[in-house]
């Protein structure tokens, strides 16, 4: 079973590039375009690892990590 990753980044191009790379490496990847969306996904299905951008509007990645 592939490890479940959550990728949180507000930059669509970077988010998709990293997602594609991780999936090609055998990981199952969920993506969120902001920290609040990432938090909602964590509550629905706890990932094995969260990869998050730090500087995002509204709620930053550090606050997301603290909340998790």
N, C-alpha and C. Protein backbone atom coordinates (compact mmCIF):
# COMPACT_ATOMS: atom_id res chain seq x y z
N UNK A 1 0.84 -1.18 0.00
CA UNK A 1 0.00 0.00 0.00
C UNK A 1 0.89 1.25 0.00
N UNK A 2 0.59 2.18 -0.86
CA UNK A 2 1.38 3.40 -0.99
C UNK A 2 1.14 4.34 0.18
N UNK A 3 2.19 5.03 0.59
CA UNK A 3 2.05 6.03 1.64
C UNK A 3 1.13 7.15 1.16
N UNK A 4 0.30 7.64 2.07
CA UNK A 4 -0.65 8.71 1.77
C UNK A 4 -0.01 10.05 2.12
N UNK A 5 0.14 10.93 1.12
CA UNK A 5 0.72 12.24 1.33
C UNK A 5 -0.31 13.32 1.07
N UNK A 6 -0.18 14.42 1.80
CA UNK A 6 -0.98 15.60 1.55
C UNK A 6 -0.02 16.72 1.17
N UNK A 7 -0.24 17.30 0.02
CA UNK A 7 0.57 18.40 -0.49
C UNK A 7 -0.27 19.67 -0.46
N UNK A 8 0.22 20.68 0.26
CA UNK A 8 -0.52 21.94 0.39
C UNK A 8 0.34 23.07 -0.17
N UNK A 9 -0.13 23.70 -1.24
CA UNK A 9 0.61 24.80 -1.85
C UNK A 9 -0.37 25.65 -2.65
N UNK A 10 -0.21 26.97 -2.56
CA UNK A 10 -1.12 27.88 -3.25
C UNK A 10 -0.69 28.17 -4.69
N UNK A 11 0.47 27.69 -5.11
CA UNK A 11 0.95 27.90 -6.49
C UNK A 11 0.56 26.69 -7.34
N UNK A 12 -0.41 26.83 -8.24
CA UNK A 12 -0.92 25.68 -9.00
C UNK A 12 0.15 24.93 -9.80
N UNK A 13 1.03 25.64 -10.47
CA UNK A 13 2.05 24.98 -11.28
C UNK A 13 3.00 24.14 -10.45
N UNK A 14 3.47 24.70 -9.37
CA UNK A 14 4.37 23.98 -8.48
C UNK A 14 3.66 22.81 -7.83
N UNK A 15 2.43 23.04 -7.39
CA UNK A 15 1.65 21.98 -6.73
C UNK A 15 1.48 20.79 -7.66
N UNK A 16 1.13 21.04 -8.91
CA UNK A 16 0.92 19.95 -9.85
C UNK A 16 2.22 19.23 -10.22
N UNK A 17 3.30 19.99 -10.35
CA UNK A 17 4.60 19.38 -10.68
C UNK A 17 5.07 18.46 -9.56
N UNK A 18 4.96 18.92 -8.32
CA UNK A 18 5.38 18.11 -7.18
C UNK A 18 4.46 16.90 -7.04
N UNK A 19 3.16 17.11 -7.22
CA UNK A 19 2.21 16.00 -7.15
C UNK A 19 2.55 14.92 -8.18
N UNK A 20 2.80 15.32 -9.41
CA UNK A 20 3.14 14.36 -10.46
C UNK A 20 4.41 13.60 -10.12
N UNK A 21 5.42 14.30 -9.63
CA UNK A 21 6.68 13.66 -9.26
C UNK A 21 6.47 12.63 -8.14
N UNK A 22 5.71 13.01 -7.13
CA UNK A 22 5.47 12.10 -6.01
C UNK A 22 4.66 10.89 -6.43
N UNK A 23 3.66 11.09 -7.29
CA UNK A 23 2.87 9.97 -7.78
C UNK A 23 3.72 9.02 -8.62
N UNK A 24 4.59 9.58 -9.45
CA UNK A 24 5.48 8.74 -10.25
C UNK A 24 6.45 7.97 -9.37
N UNK A 25 6.70 8.47 -8.17
CA UNK A 25 7.59 7.81 -7.22
C UNK A 25 6.84 6.78 -6.37
N UNK A 26 5.55 6.60 -6.63
CA UNK A 26 4.78 5.55 -5.97
C UNK A 26 3.93 5.98 -4.79
N UNK A 27 3.82 7.27 -4.54
CA UNK A 27 3.01 7.75 -3.42
C UNK A 27 1.59 8.07 -3.87
N UNK A 28 0.66 7.96 -2.94
CA UNK A 28 -0.71 8.41 -3.16
C UNK A 28 -0.78 9.84 -2.64
N UNK A 29 -1.18 10.79 -3.48
CA UNK A 29 -1.08 12.20 -3.13
C UNK A 29 -2.44 12.89 -3.23
N UNK A 30 -2.82 13.56 -2.14
CA UNK A 30 -3.96 14.46 -2.15
C UNK A 30 -3.38 15.87 -2.17
N UNK A 31 -4.07 16.80 -2.80
CA UNK A 31 -3.57 18.16 -2.86
C UNK A 31 -4.61 19.14 -2.31
N UNK A 32 -4.09 20.23 -1.77
CA UNK A 32 -4.93 21.32 -1.28
C UNK A 32 -4.28 22.62 -1.74
N UNK A 33 -5.11 23.58 -2.11
CA UNK A 33 -4.59 24.85 -2.62
C UNK A 33 -4.39 25.89 -1.53
N UNK A 34 -4.78 25.57 -0.29
CA UNK A 34 -4.53 26.48 0.83
C UNK A 34 -4.58 25.67 2.13
N UNK A 35 -4.18 26.31 3.21
CA UNK A 35 -4.08 25.61 4.50
C UNK A 35 -5.45 25.18 5.02
N UNK A 36 -6.46 26.00 4.82
CA UNK A 36 -7.79 25.62 5.32
C UNK A 36 -8.32 24.37 4.60
N UNK A 37 -8.11 24.31 3.31
CA UNK A 37 -8.50 23.13 2.55
C UNK A 37 -7.67 21.91 3.01
N UNK A 38 -6.40 22.13 3.27
CA UNK A 38 -5.54 21.06 3.78
C UNK A 38 -6.04 20.54 5.11
N UNK A 39 -6.43 21.45 6.00
CA UNK A 39 -6.96 21.06 7.31
C UNK A 39 -8.22 20.21 7.15
N UNK A 40 -9.10 20.59 6.25
CA UNK A 40 -10.32 19.81 6.00
C UNK A 40 -9.97 18.40 5.52
N UNK A 41 -8.98 18.28 4.64
CA UNK A 41 -8.57 16.97 4.14
C UNK A 41 -7.95 16.12 5.25
N UNK A 42 -7.17 16.74 6.12
CA UNK A 42 -6.56 16.01 7.24
C UNK A 42 -7.64 15.44 8.15
N UNK A 43 -8.70 16.20 8.37
CA UNK A 43 -9.79 15.74 9.23
C UNK A 43 -10.55 14.58 8.60
N UNK A 44 -10.62 14.53 7.28
CA UNK A 44 -11.34 13.46 6.58
C UNK A 44 -10.52 12.18 6.51
N UNK A 45 -9.21 12.32 6.28
CA UNK A 45 -8.35 11.16 6.09
C UNK A 45 -6.93 11.54 6.50
N UNK A 46 -6.47 11.05 7.62
CA UNK A 46 -5.15 11.42 8.14
C UNK A 46 -4.05 10.87 7.24
N UNK A 47 -3.24 11.77 6.65
CA UNK A 47 -2.16 11.31 5.78
C UNK A 47 -0.96 10.82 6.60
N UNK A 48 -0.07 10.09 5.94
CA UNK A 48 1.17 9.66 6.57
C UNK A 48 2.16 10.81 6.67
N UNK A 49 2.07 11.76 5.74
CA UNK A 49 2.99 12.89 5.69
C UNK A 49 2.30 14.09 5.07
N UNK A 50 2.56 15.27 5.63
CA UNK A 50 2.05 16.51 5.06
C UNK A 50 3.25 17.32 4.57
N UNK A 51 3.18 17.76 3.32
CA UNK A 51 4.18 18.65 2.74
C UNK A 51 3.47 19.96 2.47
N UNK A 52 3.93 21.02 3.11
CA UNK A 52 3.21 22.29 3.02
C UNK A 52 4.14 23.45 2.71
N UNK A 53 3.65 24.34 1.85
CA UNK A 53 4.27 25.63 1.65
C UNK A 53 4.12 26.40 2.97
N UNK A 54 5.05 27.28 3.25
CA UNK A 54 4.95 28.07 4.48
C UNK A 54 4.17 29.36 4.25
N UNK A 55 4.53 30.09 3.20
CA UNK A 55 3.91 31.40 2.97
C UNK A 55 2.70 31.26 2.04
N UNK A 56 1.52 31.28 2.66
CA UNK A 56 0.26 31.21 1.92
C UNK A 56 -0.68 32.26 2.50
N UNK A 57 -1.63 32.74 1.71
CA UNK A 57 -2.58 33.72 2.23
C UNK A 57 -3.52 33.11 3.27
N UNK A 58 -4.10 33.95 4.08
CA UNK A 58 -5.05 33.59 5.13
C UNK A 58 -4.39 32.82 6.27
N UNK A 59 -4.10 31.56 6.05
CA UNK A 59 -3.49 30.70 7.08
C UNK A 59 -2.20 30.15 6.50
N UNK A 60 -1.07 30.36 7.20
CA UNK A 60 0.19 29.90 6.62
C UNK A 60 0.47 28.44 7.00
N UNK A 61 1.51 27.89 6.39
CA UNK A 61 1.84 26.49 6.60
C UNK A 61 2.25 26.16 8.03
N UNK A 62 2.91 27.09 8.71
CA UNK A 62 3.27 26.85 10.10
C UNK A 62 2.03 26.72 10.99
N UNK A 63 1.06 27.58 10.74
CA UNK A 63 -0.19 27.49 11.51
C UNK A 63 -0.91 26.16 11.22
N UNK A 64 -0.84 25.73 9.97
CA UNK A 64 -1.44 24.42 9.63
C UNK A 64 -0.76 23.32 10.41
N UNK A 65 0.56 23.33 10.45
CA UNK A 65 1.30 22.29 11.19
C UNK A 65 0.95 22.32 12.66
N UNK A 66 0.84 23.50 13.25
CA UNK A 66 0.46 23.62 14.65
C UNK A 66 -0.95 23.06 14.89
N UNK A 67 -1.84 23.32 13.94
CA UNK A 67 -3.22 22.86 14.08
C UNK A 67 -3.29 21.33 13.97
N UNK A 68 -2.48 20.77 13.11
CA UNK A 68 -2.47 19.31 12.95
C UNK A 68 -1.93 18.68 14.22
